[in-house]
C-alpha atoms as a PDB file:
ATOM      1  CA  SER A   1       0.031   0.029   0.156  1.00  0.00           C
ATOM      2  CA  GLY A   2       1.019   3.562   0.087  1.00  0.00           C
ATOM      3  CA  LEU A   3       2.710   3.239  -3.804  1.00  0.00           C
ATOM      4  CA  SER A   4       3.041   6.066  -6.155  1.00  0.00           C
ATOM      5  CA  PRO A   5       0.565   6.195  -8.570  1.00  0.00           C
ATOM      6  CA  ALA A   6       2.972   4.853 -11.525  1.00  0.00           C
ATOM      7  CA  LEU A   7       4.238   1.757 -13.046  1.00  0.00           C
ATOM      8  CA  HIS A   8       5.456  -0.839 -10.583  1.00  0.00           C
ATOM      9  CA  THR A   9       7.465  -3.949 -11.255  1.00  0.00           C
ATOM     10  CA  LEU A  10       6.662  -6.909  -8.947  1.00  0.00           C
ATOM     11  CA  ILE A  11       9.341  -9.942  -9.043  1.00  0.00           C
ATOM     12  CA  LEU A  12       9.095 -13.408  -7.244  1.00  0.00           C
ATOM     13  CA  THR A  13      12.287 -15.472  -6.946  1.00  0.00           C
ATOM     14  CA  VAL A  14      12.318 -19.017  -5.579  1.00  0.00           C
ATOM     15  CA  LYS A  15      15.673 -19.781  -4.029  1.00  0.00           C
ATOM     16  CA  LYS A  16      16.978 -23.613  -3.871  1.00  0.00           C
ATOM     17  CA  GLY A  17      17.939 -24.450   0.063  1.00  0.00           C
ATOM     18  CA  GLU A  18      18.619 -27.394   2.029  1.00  0.00           C
ATOM     19  CA  ASP A  19      15.276 -28.764   1.412  1.00  0.00           C
ATOM     20  CA  LEU A  20      15.030 -29.659  -2.361  1.00  0.00           C
ATOM     21  CA  ARG A  21      11.221 -30.343  -1.798  1.00  0.00           C
ATOM     22  CA  GLY A  22       9.979 -27.026  -1.899  1.00  0.00           C
ATOM     23  CA  LEU A  23       6.619 -25.610  -3.617  1.00  0.00           C
ATOM     24  CA  PHE A  24       5.894 -22.416  -4.911  1.00  0.00           C
ATOM     25  CA  THR A  25       2.312 -21.401  -6.158  1.00  0.00           C
ATOM     26  CA  PHE A  26       0.701 -18.382  -7.401  1.00  0.00           C
ATOM     27  CA  ASP A  27      -2.726 -17.987  -8.445  1.00  0.00           C
ATOM     28  CA  TYR A  28      -3.283 -14.166  -9.465  1.00  0.00           C
ATOM     29  CA  ALA A  29      -2.781 -10.746  -8.324  1.00  0.00           C
ATOM     30  CA  GLN A  30      -5.318  -8.390  -7.310  1.00  0.00           C
ATOM     31  CA  VAL A  31      -4.292  -4.373  -7.835  1.00  0.00           C
ATOM     32  CA  LEU A  32      -6.650  -1.523  -6.543  1.00  0.00           C
ATOM     33  CA  VAL A  33      -5.610   1.468  -7.670  1.00  0.00           C
ATOM     34  CA  GLY A  34      -6.595   4.922  -6.073  1.00  0.00           C
ATOM     35  CA  ASN A  35      -6.156   6.878  -2.672  1.00  0.00           C
ATOM     36  CA  ALA A  36      -7.261   4.460   0.675  1.00  0.00           C
ATOM     37  CA  THR A  37      -8.744   7.336   3.314  1.00  0.00           C
ATOM     38  CA  SER A  38      -8.137   5.056   5.828  1.00  0.00           C
ATOM     39  CA  PHE A  39      -6.573   1.578   6.546  1.00  0.00           C
ATOM     40  CA  ASN A  40      -7.562  -1.177   8.957  1.00  0.00           C
ATOM     41  CA  ARG A  41      -6.087  -4.020   9.922  1.00  0.00           C
ATOM     42  CA  THR A  42      -7.621  -6.445  13.069  1.00  0.00           C
ATOM     43  CA  VAL A  43      -6.732 -10.293  13.699  1.00  0.00           C
ATOM     44  CA  ILE A  44      -9.588 -13.042  15.286  1.00  0.00           C
ATOM     45  CA  ASP A  45      -6.235 -15.692  16.396  1.00  0.00           C
ATOM     46  CA  ALA A  46      -7.490 -19.232  17.086  1.00  0.00           C
ATOM     47  CA  PHE A  47      -8.507 -18.957  20.837  1.00  0.00           C
ATOM     48  CA  SER A  48     -10.374 -15.365  20.553  1.00  0.00           C
ATOM     49  CA  ASP A  49     -14.336 -15.560  21.969  1.00  0.00           C
ATOM     50  CA  GLN A  50     -14.593 -14.274  18.227  1.00  0.00           C
ATOM     51  CA  LEU A  51     -14.146 -18.028  16.932  1.00  0.00           C
ATOM     52  CA  ARG A  52     -17.012 -20.158  17.361  1.00  0.00           C
ATOM     53  CA  LEU A  53     -16.348 -23.638  17.237  1.00  0.00           C
ATOM     54  CA  GLY A  54     -18.709 -26.219  15.898  1.00  0.00           C
ATOM     55  CA  PRO A  55     -21.238 -28.008  15.744  1.00  0.00           C
ATOM     56  CA  ALA A  56     -22.680 -27.402  19.109  1.00  0.00           C
ATOM     57  CA  GLU A  57     -22.182 -31.530  19.885  1.00  0.00           C
ATOM     58  CA  PRO A  58     -19.201 -32.713  22.404  1.00  0.00           C
ATOM     59  CA  ARG A  59     -18.045 -34.925  19.935  1.00  0.00           C
ATOM     60  CA  TYR A  60     -17.323 -32.233  17.380  1.00  0.00           C
ATOM     61  CA  LEU A  61     -15.957 -29.600  20.140  1.00  0.00           C
ATOM     62  CA  GLU A  62     -14.255 -31.904  21.722  1.00  0.00           C
ATOM     63  CA  SER A  63     -12.421 -32.456  18.581  1.00  0.00           C
ATOM     64  CA  TRP A  64     -10.338 -29.181  18.252  1.00  0.00           C
ATOM     65  CA  ASN A  65      -7.272 -29.376  20.522  1.00  0.00           C
ATOM     66  CA  ARG A  66      -4.551 -27.251  20.693  1.00  0.00           C
ATOM     67  CA  TYR A  67      -1.073 -27.945  18.780  1.00  0.00           C
ATOM     68  CA  GLY A  68       2.548 -26.329  19.378  1.00  0.00           C
ATOM     69  CA  GLY A  69       2.945 -24.037  16.123  1.00  0.00           C
ATOM     70  CA  TYR A  70       5.557 -23.953  14.036  1.00  0.00           C
ATOM     71  CA  ASN A  71       7.679 -20.833  14.169  1.00  0.00           C
ATOM     72  CA  ALA A  72       5.819 -18.779  11.832  1.00  0.00           C
ATOM     73  CA  SER A  73       6.147 -15.205  11.831  1.00  0.00           C
ATOM     74  CA  VAL A  74       2.491 -13.909  12.748  1.00  0.00           C
ATOM     75  CA  PRO A  75       0.647 -10.229  13.373  1.00  0.00           C
ATOM     76  CA  ASP A  76       0.956  -9.071  16.520  1.00  0.00           C
ATOM     77  CA  GLY A  77      -2.024 -10.105  18.555  1.00  0.00           C
ATOM     78  CA  VAL A  78      -1.822 -13.408  17.609  1.00  0.00           C
ATOM     79  CA  ASN A  79      -0.692 -16.810  19.727  1.00  0.00           C
ATOM     80  CA  PHE A  80       2.658 -17.304  18.271  1.00  0.00           C
ATOM     81  CA  SER A  81       3.178 -21.011  20.082  1.00  0.00           C
ATOM     82  CA  SER A  82      -0.052 -22.732  19.542  1.00  0.00           C
ATOM     83  CA  PHE A  83      -3.082 -23.162  16.650  1.00  0.00           C
ATOM     84  CA  ARG A  84      -6.515 -25.265  16.967  1.00  0.00           C
ATOM     85  CA  ALA A  85      -6.961 -28.389  14.711  1.00  0.00           C
ATOM     86  CA  THR A  86      -9.255 -31.107  14.624  1.00  0.00           C
ATOM     87  CA  ASP A  87      -9.661 -34.175  12.101  1.00  0.00           C
ATOM     88  CA  LEU A  88     -12.910 -34.884  12.390  1.00  0.00           C
ATOM     89  CA  VAL A  89     -14.957 -34.266   9.683  1.00  0.00           C
ATOM     90  CA  GLY A  90     -18.138 -31.710   9.978  1.00  0.00           C
ATOM     91  CA  ALA A  91     -16.416 -30.537  12.632  1.00  0.00           C
ATOM     92  CA  ASN A  92     -16.506 -25.987  11.521  1.00  0.00           C
ATOM     93  CA  VAL A  93     -15.451 -22.959  13.028  1.00  0.00           C
ATOM     94  CA  TYR A  94     -17.599 -19.776  12.595  1.00  0.00           C
ATOM     95  CA  ALA A  95     -16.568 -16.323  12.747  1.00  0.00           C
ATOM     96  CA  ALA A  96     -18.437 -12.833  12.178  1.00  0.00           C
ATOM     97  CA  PHE A  97     -16.222  -9.792  10.697  1.00  0.00           C
ATOM     98  CA  LYS A  98     -15.985  -6.387   9.516  1.00  0.00           C
ATOM     99  CA  GLY A  99     -13.616  -5.647   6.532  1.00  0.00           C
ATOM    100  CA  SER A 100     -13.481  -5.078   3.319  1.00  0.00           C
ATOM    101  CA  THR A 101     -11.021  -8.166   3.050  1.00  0.00           C
ATOM    102  CA  LEU A 102     -10.107 -11.537   4.352  1.00  0.00           C
ATOM    103  CA  PHE A 103      -7.290 -14.107   4.619  1.00  0.00           C
ATOM    104  CA  TYR A 104      -7.919 -17.299   6.460  1.00  0.00           C
ATOM    105  CA  TYR A 105      -4.468 -18.661   7.918  1.00  0.00           C
ATOM    106  CA  GLY A 106      -3.532 -22.406   9.284  1.00  0.00           C
ATOM    107  CA  PRO A 107      -0.668 -24.542   8.961  1.00  0.00           C
ATOM    108  CA  CYS A 108      -0.507 -26.869   5.659  1.00  0.00           C
ATOM    109  CA  TYR A 109       0.829 -30.223   5.946  1.00  0.00           C
ATOM    110  CA  THR A 110       0.430 -34.102   3.989  1.00  0.00           C
ATOM    111  CA  ALA A 111      -1.917 -34.259   6.532  1.00  0.00           C
ATOM    112  CA  SER A 112      -4.387 -31.785   6.197  1.00  0.00           C
ATOM    113  CA  HIS A 113      -7.116 -31.942   2.899  1.00  0.00           C
ATOM    114  CA  ALA A 114     -10.217 -30.919   2.360  1.00  0.00           C
ATOM    115  CA  TYR A 115     -12.420 -28.175   3.796  1.00  0.00           C
ATOM    116  CA  THR A 116     -15.126 -25.554   2.660  1.00  0.00           C
ATOM    117  CA  VAL A 117     -15.441 -22.202   3.373  1.00  0.00           C
ATOM    118  CA  SER A 118     -18.419 -20.289   3.034  1.00  0.00           C
ATOM    119  CA  LEU A 119     -18.933 -16.797   3.275  1.00  0.00           C
ATOM    120  CA  ASP A 120     -22.100 -14.487   3.823  1.00  0.00           C
ATOM    121  CA  GLY A 121     -25.631 -15.616   3.230  1.00  0.00           C
ATOM    122  CA  GLY A 122     -25.619 -15.985   7.241  1.00  0.00           C
ATOM    123  CA  ALA A 123     -22.593 -18.553   6.255  1.00  0.00           C
ATOM    124  CA  ASN A 124     -24.990 -20.969   4.379  1.00  0.00           C
ATOM    125  CA  SER A 125     -23.806 -19.730   0.609  1.00  0.00           C
ATOM    126  CA  GLN A 126     -22.328 -22.359  -1.356  1.00  0.00           C
ATOM    127  CA  PRO A 127     -19.308 -23.537   0.302  1.00  0.00           C
ATOM    128  CA  VAL A 128     -16.376 -23.474  -1.807  1.00  0.00           C
ATOM    129  CA  GLN A 129     -14.176 -26.533  -2.124  1.00  0.00           C
ATOM    130  CA  LEU A 130     -10.918 -26.205  -1.171  1.00  0.00           C
ATOM    131  CA  ASN A 131      -7.487 -28.428  -0.229  1.00  0.00           C
ATOM    132  CA  ALA A 132      -4.848 -28.032   2.028  1.00  0.00           C
ATOM    133  CA  SER A 133      -2.886 -30.996   1.331  1.00  0.00           C
ATOM    134  CA  VAL A 134       0.927 -30.462   0.391  1.00  0.00           C
ATOM    135  CA  PRO A 135       2.760 -33.292  -1.479  1.00  0.00           C
ATOM    136  CA  PHE A 136       5.647 -33.251   0.861  1.00  0.00           C
ATOM    137  CA  THR A 137       6.573 -33.897   4.896  1.00  0.00           C
ATOM    138  CA  GLN A 138       7.891 -30.640   5.139  1.00  0.00           C
ATOM    139  CA  VAL A 139       5.670 -27.727   7.243  1.00  0.00           C
ATOM    140  CA  VAL A 140       4.146 -24.918   5.628  1.00  0.00           C
ATOM    141  CA  ALA A 141       3.801 -23.098   8.838  1.00  0.00           C
ATOM    142  CA  ARG A 142       2.182 -19.622   7.884  1.00  0.00           C
ATOM    143  CA  CYS A 143      -0.017 -21.431   5.142  1.00  0.00           C
ATOM    144  CA  LEU A 144      -2.928 -19.078   3.589  1.00  0.00           C
ATOM    145  CA  ARG A 145      -6.015 -21.094   3.388  1.00  0.00           C
ATOM    146  CA  TYR A 146      -8.140 -18.837   2.070  1.00  0.00           C
ATOM    147  CA  TYR A 147      -8.481 -14.891   0.993  1.00  0.00           C
ATOM    148  CA  SER A 148     -12.026 -13.115   0.116  1.00  0.00           C
ATOM    149  CA  GLY A 149     -11.313  -9.081  -0.987  1.00  0.00           C
ATOM    150  CA  GLY A 150     -13.707  -6.407  -2.577  1.00  0.00           C
ATOM    151  CA  LEU A 151     -16.091  -7.692   0.423  1.00  0.00           C
ATOM    152  CA  SER A 152     -18.825  -4.700   1.124  1.00  0.00           C
ATOM    153  CA  THR A 153     -17.885  -2.257   3.382  1.00  0.00           C
ATOM    154  CA  GLN A 154     -21.348  -0.070   3.098  1.00  0.00           C
ATOM    155  CA  ILE A 155     -23.253   1.068   6.410  1.00  0.00           C
ATOM    156  CA  SER A 156     -26.515  -0.389   7.544  1.00  0.00           C
ATOM    157  CA  ASP A 157     -29.827   1.245   7.789  1.00  0.00           C
ATOM    158  CA  SER A 158     -28.581   1.555  11.846  1.00  0.00           C
ATOM    159  CA  GLY A 159     -25.566   3.358  10.977  1.00  0.00           C
ATOM    160  CA  SER A 160     -23.089   0.544  11.647  1.00  0.00           C
ATOM    161  CA  GLN A 161     -20.743  -1.338   9.354  1.00  0.00           C
ATOM    162  CA  ILE A 162     -22.501  -4.491   7.403  1.00  0.00           C
ATOM    163  CA  GLU A 163     -20.959  -7.417   8.784  1.00  0.00           C
ATOM    164  CA  HIS A 164     -19.263 -10.411   7.305  1.00  0.00           C
ATOM    165  CA  GLU A 165     -19.482 -14.096   8.066  1.00  0.00           C
ATOM    166  CA  ILE A 166     -17.257 -17.072   7.451  1.00  0.00           C
ATOM    167  CA  LEU A 167     -17.768 -20.388   8.284  1.00  0.00           C
ATOM    168  CA  ILE A 168     -15.148 -23.238   7.664  1.00  0.00           C
ATOM    169  CA  THR A 169     -15.528 -26.822   7.482  1.00  0.00           C
ATOM    170  CA  ASN A 170     -13.825 -30.046   7.934  1.00  0.00           C
ATOM    171  CA  SER A 171     -14.809 -32.599   4.736  1.00  0.00           C
ATOM    172  CA  GLN A 172     -12.566 -35.300   5.538  1.00  0.00           C
ATOM    173  CA  ASP A 173     -12.056 -37.732   8.389  1.00  0.00           C
ATOM    174  CA  LYS A 174      -9.150 -38.736  10.063  1.00  0.00           C
ATOM    175  CA  LYS A 175      -7.522 -35.230   7.800  1.00  0.00           C
ATOM    176  CA  TRP A 176      -6.593 -31.958   9.940  1.00  0.00           C
ATOM    177  CA  LEU A 177      -8.270 -28.380   9.554  1.00  0.00           C
ATOM    178  CA  THR A 178      -6.056 -26.244  10.780  1.00  0.00           C
ATOM    179  CA  VAL A 179      -7.077 -22.456  12.155  1.00  0.00           C
ATOM    180  CA  HIS A 180      -4.078 -20.284  13.516  1.00  0.00           C
ATOM    181  CA  TRP A 181      -5.676 -16.813  12.399  1.00  0.00           C
ATOM    182  CA  LEU A 182      -8.151 -14.572  10.612  1.00  0.00           C
ATOM    183  CA  GLU A 183      -6.928 -11.316   9.047  1.00  0.00           C
ATOM    184  CA  MET A 184      -9.326  -8.355   8.032  1.00  0.00           C
ATOM    185  CA  TRP A 185      -8.382  -5.368   6.165  1.00  0.00           C
ATOM    186  CA  ASP A 186     -11.009  -2.434   6.287  1.00  0.00           C
ATOM    187  CA  PHE A 187      -9.837   0.652   3.840  1.00  0.00           C
ATOM    188  CA  GLN A 188     -11.942   2.786   1.329  1.00  0.00           C
ATOM    189  CA  LEU A 189     -10.768   4.031  -1.789  1.00  0.00           C
ATOM    190  CA  VAL A 190     -11.831   7.170  -3.357  1.00  0.00           C
ATOM    191  CA  GLU A 191     -10.819   8.556  -7.083  1.00  0.00           C
ATOM    192  CA  SER A 192     -11.281   4.887  -8.003  1.00  0.00           C
ATOM    193  CA  THR A 193      -9.587   4.811 -11.385  1.00  0.00           C
ATOM    194  CA  GLY A 194      -9.612   0.444 -11.494  1.00  0.00           C
ATOM    195  CA  MET A 195      -9.081  -2.338 -10.497  1.00  0.00           C
ATOM    196  CA  SER A 196      -6.610  -4.883 -12.420  1.00  0.00           C
ATOM    197  CA  THR A 197      -5.944  -8.915 -11.557  1.00  0.00           C
ATOM    198  CA  GLY A 198      -3.071 -11.259 -13.183  1.00  0.00           C
ATOM    199  CA  ALA A 199      -2.696 -14.906 -12.817  1.00  0.00           C
ATOM    200  CA  SER A 200      -0.342 -17.257 -13.673  1.00  0.00           C
END
């Protein structure tokens, strides 16, 4: 953010390390052009009361356990050493949030697998099918499991900002669904000249 109105170049480089099994993937880039009147960044830690574990039955709630972290760099306000995980199919986590952009992070490894994400519509909209399995034994600690941008920041009739909902559900038994934190960006653009995206 805060770049001058000029042509910019982004170069992503994969460097060879001791472990040759490293995996680099790139889906697309989103570029927003305009002047931001404000920018706020908030996080919801896996152990925050803002996250609701479910469904509200003992076997699901008891399946969510606390596990040690993988030395990932995390934003301020996020527990560095621990995350939550479940390997029970149907277990889910729900959160309500405000903002125009959402990021969902949780460790990815060979034992993590299929899950769904529903956004808004009472978090009962058509779920997006995702898979967080990686084809090697190395753990991807700061793993971005879901992203959504361009969410509405309109003010409701009551005068408060519109609240969004996310529901994340484990789709495969004996495979791990992990949650480390949710991150929300909230900003308003004025004098916007457009938006462009690129993919590879």
